Every structure is written in C-alpha cells, then in structure tokens.
N, C-alpha and C. Protein backbone atom coordinates (compact mmCIF):
# COMPACT_ATOMS: atom_id res chain seq x y z
N UNK A 1 102.38 89.31 118.98
CA UNK A 1 103.84 90.04 119.01
C UNK A 1 103.75 90.94 120.20
N UNK A 2 104.78 90.81 120.97
CA UNK A 2 105.06 91.81 122.06
C UNK A 2 105.47 93.28 121.51
N UNK A 3 104.72 94.16 121.85
CA UNK A 3 105.09 95.64 121.71
C UNK A 3 105.35 96.20 123.02
N UNK A 4 106.31 97.21 122.94
CA UNK A 4 106.89 97.94 121.58
C UNK A 4 108.01 97.04 121.11
N UNK A 5 108.19 97.27 119.87
CA UNK A 5 109.25 96.70 119.00
C UNK A 5 110.03 98.02 118.22
N UNK A 6 111.22 97.79 118.19
CA UNK A 6 112.04 98.83 117.55
C UNK A 6 112.78 98.40 116.42
N UNK A 7 112.61 98.95 115.32
CA UNK A 7 113.58 98.69 114.31
C UNK A 7 114.47 99.98 113.72
N UNK A 8 115.50 99.56 113.33
CA UNK A 8 116.37 100.77 112.73
C UNK A 8 116.64 100.53 111.46
N UNK A 9 116.85 101.68 110.87
CA UNK A 9 117.40 101.63 109.43
C UNK A 9 117.72 103.00 109.06
N UNK A 10 117.69 103.13 107.50
CA UNK A 10 118.17 104.39 106.81
C UNK A 10 116.99 104.67 105.82
N UNK A 11 116.59 106.11 105.99
CA UNK A 11 115.60 106.65 105.08
C UNK A 11 116.15 106.73 103.82
N UNK A 12 115.28 105.94 102.70
CA UNK A 12 115.72 105.88 101.45
C UNK A 12 114.64 106.70 100.43
N UNK A 13 114.93 106.81 99.25
CA UNK A 13 113.85 107.35 98.20
C UNK A 13 112.84 106.37 97.89
N UNK A 14 111.62 106.55 97.89
CA UNK A 14 110.61 105.65 97.52
C UNK A 14 110.17 105.97 96.10
N UNK A 15 108.91 105.55 95.86
CA UNK A 15 108.17 105.68 94.57
C UNK A 15 107.48 107.13 94.71
N UNK A 16 107.50 107.84 95.83
CA UNK A 16 106.67 109.02 96.23
C UNK A 16 105.24 108.88 95.77
N UNK A 17 104.49 107.90 95.85
CA UNK A 17 103.14 107.71 95.65
C UNK A 17 102.40 108.41 96.80
N UNK A 18 102.82 108.27 97.99
CA UNK A 18 102.16 108.97 99.18
C UNK A 18 102.32 110.48 99.20
N UNK A 19 103.27 110.97 98.52
CA UNK A 19 103.54 112.37 98.50
C UNK A 19 102.47 112.97 97.52
N UNK A 20 102.13 112.32 96.39
CA UNK A 20 101.18 112.92 95.56
C UNK A 20 99.70 112.90 96.25
N UNK A 21 99.64 112.32 97.28
CA UNK A 21 98.19 112.30 97.90
C UNK A 21 98.36 113.20 99.23
N UNK A 22 99.57 113.74 99.35
CA UNK A 22 99.78 114.62 100.55
C UNK A 22 99.98 114.06 101.78
N UNK A 23 100.50 112.80 101.70
CA UNK A 23 100.98 112.02 102.91
C UNK A 23 102.22 111.44 102.83
N UNK A 24 103.24 112.25 102.80
CA UNK A 24 104.73 111.88 102.43
C UNK A 24 105.17 110.89 103.51
N UNK A 25 105.91 109.73 103.09
CA UNK A 25 106.19 108.82 104.17
C UNK A 25 107.88 108.57 103.92
N UNK A 26 108.43 108.28 105.14
CA UNK A 26 109.84 108.09 105.35
C UNK A 26 110.00 106.50 104.80
N UNK A 27 110.60 106.08 103.71
CA UNK A 27 110.87 104.68 103.36
C UNK A 27 112.04 104.39 104.03
N UNK A 28 111.92 103.30 104.97
CA UNK A 28 113.09 102.82 105.85
C UNK A 28 113.54 101.38 105.29
N UNK A 29 114.74 101.46 104.94
CA UNK A 29 115.34 100.12 104.73
C UNK A 29 116.05 99.57 106.10
N UNK A 30 115.17 98.60 106.49
CA UNK A 30 115.69 98.23 108.01
C UNK A 30 117.00 97.24 107.94
N UNK A 31 117.71 97.62 109.16
CA UNK A 31 118.77 96.82 109.24
C UNK A 31 118.42 95.34 109.71
N UNK A 32 117.28 95.24 110.39
CA UNK A 32 116.95 93.81 110.84
C UNK A 32 115.92 93.36 110.00
N UNK A 33 115.73 91.91 110.15
CA UNK A 33 114.97 91.33 109.33
C UNK A 33 113.44 91.64 109.80
N UNK A 34 112.49 92.31 109.12
CA UNK A 34 111.29 92.66 109.82
C UNK A 34 110.24 91.70 109.03
N UNK A 35 110.54 90.82 108.27
CA UNK A 35 109.52 90.00 107.67
C UNK A 35 108.73 88.99 108.70
N UNK A 36 109.19 88.93 109.94
CA UNK A 36 108.51 88.07 110.74
C UNK A 36 107.62 88.86 111.59
N UNK A 37 107.64 90.18 111.63
CA UNK A 37 106.55 91.09 112.39
C UNK A 37 105.20 91.20 111.70
N UNK A 38 104.20 91.33 112.46
CA UNK A 38 102.85 91.24 111.75
C UNK A 38 102.75 92.45 110.92
N UNK A 39 102.26 92.18 109.67
CA UNK A 39 101.93 93.19 108.56
C UNK A 39 100.79 93.93 108.92
N UNK A 40 101.13 95.45 108.92
CA UNK A 40 100.01 96.33 109.13
C UNK A 40 100.39 97.62 109.63
N UNK A 41 99.38 98.25 110.00
CA UNK A 41 99.69 99.73 110.44
C UNK A 41 99.76 99.89 111.92
N UNK A 42 100.80 100.62 112.32
CA UNK A 42 101.14 100.74 113.87
C UNK A 42 101.14 102.23 114.12
N UNK A 43 100.69 102.45 115.42
CA UNK A 43 101.14 103.65 116.02
C UNK A 43 102.54 103.74 116.36
N UNK A 44 103.29 104.69 116.17
CA UNK A 44 104.69 104.55 116.38
C UNK A 44 105.35 106.00 116.82
N UNK A 45 106.50 105.94 117.10
CA UNK A 45 107.52 107.01 117.25
C UNK A 45 108.75 106.77 116.43
N UNK A 46 109.27 107.95 116.06
CA UNK A 46 110.40 107.83 115.03
C UNK A 46 111.53 108.74 115.78
N UNK A 47 112.84 108.08 116.02
CA UNK A 47 113.87 108.95 116.33
C UNK A 47 114.80 109.20 115.35
N UNK A 48 115.10 110.59 115.13
CA UNK A 48 116.01 111.00 114.04
C UNK A 48 117.02 111.98 114.76
N UNK A 49 118.29 111.87 114.61
CA UNK A 49 119.37 112.69 115.19
C UNK A 49 118.91 113.00 116.51
N UNK A 50 118.45 112.07 117.31
CA UNK A 50 118.37 112.27 118.89
C UNK A 50 116.96 112.91 119.29
N UNK A 51 116.21 113.30 118.24
CA UNK A 51 114.87 113.75 118.65
C UNK A 51 113.64 112.85 118.30
N UNK A 52 112.79 112.71 119.05
CA UNK A 52 111.78 111.72 118.83
C UNK A 52 110.33 112.40 118.32
N UNK A 53 109.80 111.77 117.30
CA UNK A 53 108.59 112.56 116.80
C UNK A 53 107.60 111.58 116.80
N UNK A 54 106.23 111.85 116.96
CA UNK A 54 105.12 111.02 116.98
C UNK A 54 104.87 110.56 115.25
N UNK A 55 104.47 109.41 115.21
CA UNK A 55 104.47 108.86 113.72
C UNK A 55 103.42 107.70 113.79
N UNK A 56 103.17 107.18 112.50
CA UNK A 56 102.31 106.05 112.11
C UNK A 56 102.95 105.54 111.16
N UNK A 57 103.18 104.06 111.19
CA UNK A 57 104.04 103.21 110.35
C UNK A 57 103.36 102.14 109.68
N UNK A 58 103.46 101.85 108.51
CA UNK A 58 102.94 100.83 107.69
C UNK A 58 104.19 99.92 107.53
N UNK A 59 103.91 98.39 107.99
CA UNK A 59 105.01 97.44 107.76
C UNK A 59 104.16 96.46 106.98
N UNK A 60 104.76 96.37 105.52
CA UNK A 60 104.23 95.28 104.80
C UNK A 60 104.77 95.39 103.43
N UNK A 61 104.03 94.63 102.58
CA UNK A 61 104.42 94.55 101.11
C UNK A 61 103.64 95.38 100.23
N UNK A 62 102.96 96.23 100.72
CA UNK A 62 102.07 97.48 100.04
C UNK A 62 101.49 96.80 98.89
N UNK A 63 100.46 95.84 99.07
CA UNK A 63 99.83 95.15 97.94
C UNK A 63 99.13 95.89 96.98
N UNK A 64 98.58 96.97 97.43
CA UNK A 64 97.85 97.84 96.50
C UNK A 64 98.70 98.60 95.40
N UNK A 65 99.75 98.95 95.75
CA UNK A 65 100.84 99.67 94.84
C UNK A 65 102.05 98.94 94.41
N UNK A 66 102.31 97.81 94.85
CA UNK A 66 103.58 96.90 94.50
C UNK A 66 103.34 95.21 94.48
N UNK A 67 104.08 94.93 93.58
CA UNK A 67 103.84 93.41 93.48
C UNK A 67 105.23 92.73 93.80
N UNK A 68 106.08 93.45 94.39
CA UNK A 68 107.37 93.05 94.67
C UNK A 68 107.50 91.82 95.76
N UNK A 69 106.56 91.87 96.65
CA UNK A 69 106.34 90.99 97.78
C UNK A 69 107.53 91.29 98.96
N UNK A 70 108.13 92.27 98.76
CA UNK A 70 109.31 92.82 99.69
C UNK A 70 108.67 93.46 100.96
N UNK A 71 108.87 93.20 102.21
CA UNK A 71 108.45 93.75 103.07
C UNK A 71 109.22 95.03 103.35
N UNK A 72 108.28 96.29 103.57
CA UNK A 72 108.87 97.71 103.73
C UNK A 72 108.21 98.29 104.76
N UNK A 73 109.00 99.21 105.31
CA UNK A 73 108.61 100.00 106.45
C UNK A 73 108.53 101.26 105.89
N UNK A 74 107.18 101.87 106.06
CA UNK A 74 107.11 103.42 105.63
C UNK A 74 106.32 104.18 106.74
N UNK A 75 107.00 105.43 107.22
CA UNK A 75 106.49 106.01 108.43
C UNK A 75 106.09 107.41 107.98
N UNK A 76 104.78 107.81 108.22
CA UNK A 76 104.39 109.19 108.13
C UNK A 76 104.65 109.87 109.60
N UNK A 77 105.47 110.98 109.37
CA UNK A 77 105.88 111.63 110.71
C UNK A 77 105.03 112.93 110.64
N UNK A 78 104.50 113.07 111.96
CA UNK A 78 103.49 114.27 112.23
C UNK A 78 104.39 115.33 112.59
N UNK A 79 103.90 116.56 111.79
CA UNK A 79 104.60 117.81 112.03
C UNK A 79 106.06 117.88 111.83
N UNK A 80 106.65 117.29 110.88
CA UNK A 80 108.02 117.26 110.41
C UNK A 80 108.04 117.30 109.02
N UNK A 81 108.74 118.42 108.38
CA UNK A 81 109.01 118.58 107.06
C UNK A 81 110.31 118.94 106.60
N UNK A 82 111.24 118.08 107.42
CA UNK A 82 112.67 118.11 106.83
C UNK A 82 113.19 117.06 106.02
N UNK A 83 114.11 117.30 105.38
CA UNK A 83 114.76 116.38 104.50
C UNK A 83 115.71 115.28 105.17
N UNK A 84 115.18 114.26 105.35
CA UNK A 84 115.74 113.20 106.21
C UNK A 84 116.41 111.86 105.25
N UNK A 85 116.46 112.04 104.16
CA UNK A 85 116.84 110.96 103.26
C UNK A 85 118.41 110.73 103.68
N UNK A 86 118.69 109.49 103.84
CA UNK A 86 119.93 109.04 104.10
C UNK A 86 120.25 109.06 105.71
N UNK A 87 119.24 109.37 106.35
CA UNK A 87 119.35 109.42 107.90
C UNK A 87 119.26 107.93 108.44
N UNK A 88 119.80 107.94 109.42
CA UNK A 88 119.54 106.69 110.19
C UNK A 88 118.62 107.01 111.29
N UNK A 89 117.61 105.98 111.27
CA UNK A 89 116.39 106.33 112.22
C UNK A 89 116.16 105.07 112.99
N UNK A 90 115.29 105.11 114.14
CA UNK A 90 114.92 104.16 114.99
C UNK A 90 113.19 104.41 115.07
N UNK A 91 112.53 103.43 114.54
CA UNK A 91 111.12 103.50 114.65
C UNK A 91 110.66 102.53 115.75
N UNK A 92 110.03 102.88 116.63
CA UNK A 92 109.31 102.16 117.82
C UNK A 92 107.86 101.84 117.64
N UNK A 93 107.55 100.68 117.27
CA UNK A 93 106.15 100.34 116.92
C UNK A 93 105.41 100.23 118.37
N UNK A 94 104.61 101.12 118.56
CA UNK A 94 103.92 101.13 120.04
C UNK A 94 102.70 100.16 120.00
N UNK A 95 101.80 100.28 119.16
CA UNK A 95 100.62 99.73 119.21
C UNK A 95 99.90 99.39 117.77
N UNK A 96 99.33 98.20 117.61
CA UNK A 96 98.79 97.92 116.46
C UNK A 96 97.57 98.41 116.02
N UNK A 97 97.43 98.99 114.87
CA UNK A 97 95.92 99.82 114.52
C UNK A 97 95.27 98.75 113.75
N UNK A 98 95.69 98.12 112.45
CA UNK A 98 94.94 97.40 111.68
C UNK A 98 95.98 96.45 110.80
N UNK A 99 95.43 95.35 110.16
CA UNK A 99 96.30 94.61 109.25
C UNK A 99 96.39 95.13 107.93
N UNK A 100 97.41 94.85 107.33
CA UNK A 100 97.63 95.23 105.95
C UNK A 100 96.48 94.62 104.99
N UNK A 101 96.14 95.40 104.03
CA UNK A 101 94.94 95.22 103.08
C UNK A 101 95.36 95.55 101.77
N UNK A 102 94.79 94.70 100.73
CA UNK A 102 94.94 95.17 99.39
C UNK A 102 93.65 95.90 98.95
N UNK A 103 93.72 97.19 98.68
CA UNK A 103 92.48 98.08 98.25
C UNK A 103 92.11 97.93 96.72
N UNK A 104 91.09 98.22 96.30
CA UNK A 104 90.57 97.99 95.01
C UNK A 104 91.23 99.11 94.23
N UNK A 105 91.53 100.28 94.71
CA UNK A 105 92.09 101.55 94.00
C UNK A 105 92.96 102.18 95.04
N UNK A 106 93.96 103.09 94.43
CA UNK A 106 94.68 103.98 95.31
C UNK A 106 93.81 105.00 95.96
N UNK A 107 92.87 105.33 95.37
CA UNK A 107 91.95 106.24 96.12
C UNK A 107 91.41 105.67 97.39
N UNK A 108 90.89 104.34 97.36
CA UNK A 108 90.37 103.87 98.52
C UNK A 108 91.58 103.63 99.63
N UNK A 109 92.49 103.25 99.10
CA UNK A 109 93.91 103.21 100.03
C UNK A 109 94.07 104.34 100.61
N UNK A 110 94.09 105.59 99.92
CA UNK A 110 94.51 106.87 100.58
C UNK A 110 93.29 107.34 101.45
N UNK A 111 92.03 107.15 101.30
CA UNK A 111 90.90 107.46 102.13
C UNK A 111 91.22 106.67 103.47
N UNK A 112 91.64 105.42 103.49
CA UNK A 112 91.74 104.64 104.61
C UNK A 112 93.04 105.23 105.26
N UNK A 113 94.15 105.60 104.64
CA UNK A 113 95.32 106.22 105.16
C UNK A 113 94.89 107.41 105.91
N UNK A 114 94.08 108.33 105.50
CA UNK A 114 93.59 109.64 106.04
C UNK A 114 93.00 109.14 107.40
N UNK A 115 92.18 108.46 107.40
CA UNK A 115 91.54 107.86 108.75
C UNK A 115 92.64 107.33 109.49
N UNK A 116 93.60 106.55 109.08
CA UNK A 116 94.59 106.24 109.85
C UNK A 116 95.48 107.18 110.64
N UNK A 117 95.75 108.40 109.85
CA UNK A 117 96.43 109.58 110.25
C UNK A 117 95.85 110.28 111.30
N UNK A 118 94.32 110.29 111.21
CA UNK A 118 93.51 111.03 112.23
C UNK A 118 93.42 110.14 113.44
N UNK A 119 93.55 108.95 113.38
CA UNK A 119 93.52 107.93 114.56
C UNK A 119 94.62 108.09 115.42
N UNK A 120 95.77 108.17 114.40
CA UNK A 120 97.25 108.44 114.95
C UNK A 120 97.38 109.80 115.83
N UNK A 121 96.85 110.64 115.16
CA UNK A 121 96.86 112.00 116.03
C UNK A 121 96.06 111.72 117.45
N UNK A 122 94.99 111.25 117.18
CA UNK A 122 94.21 110.93 118.50
C UNK A 122 95.01 110.09 119.52
N UNK A 123 95.52 108.94 119.16
CA UNK A 123 96.38 108.12 119.82
C UNK A 123 97.52 108.89 120.39
N UNK A 124 98.22 109.67 119.65
CA UNK A 124 99.37 110.45 120.37
C UNK A 124 98.97 111.72 121.06
N UNK A 125 97.75 112.08 121.15
CA UNK A 125 97.01 113.53 121.80
C UNK A 125 97.72 114.61 120.95
N UNK A 126 97.67 114.59 119.74
CA UNK A 126 98.04 115.80 119.02
C UNK A 126 96.99 116.25 117.98
C-alpha cells in the first residue's frame, strides 16, 4: 500500500474498552471503504476542526475484543482531551507499525498498545 493514505469519517461512541485501560480512542466511522487497506497499527495524524494532532491508529476488526468482523478505525490522539464525538475528522495514515493480531487476553493487548503508544511518541518526536 502506498502511504500516506487519508480516510475521513465521523467520531462515534464505541465500547470504551480502551478508556478503561487509560488509552481512550476515537472510533471513526469512515466514509470510504477501508476494508481493502492493510489491517494493523499505523503512525498517523488526525485533523479535527482544522487543527492537526499526532496520533496512532488501529485499522482492523479488533479480533481480541470483537467478533463482528467489521473493519474499524480507532485513533489515539496524543495530548488531546476534548469531546470530539460527532465531529468529522480526517486521519492520515503515515507509516505502518505492525499487523493486527489477536491476543490471548486484553491485558496482553494493552501491554502491546502501551508499546505502540511509546513508539508513536518517538515517531512523532513528542
């Protein structure tokens, strides 16, 4: 896949699983068909109301916590604690970090997510 790729959508309420682990994400209902994009974790930027923030995005079916098979975009936004539900956003996938994986437990998933977030900070220089 050629990067960067930009997807646009609206931030919707999710199951708030990540919030319980201290890593809240923006669940984005994409306007485009994202099922053809490679599933996994991406370093990204997100634009909300004309402002751009560094982020990290998971694009996939969330196999550890869901069995729906629906491709979903979830973005963790560094250093933003605003209510963005219902906002139209653009997420630019900048670089691929790792493929999506099913973990044996949510604890293992969130240990890996913490590593992803640290790597994202380094990638973005923050």
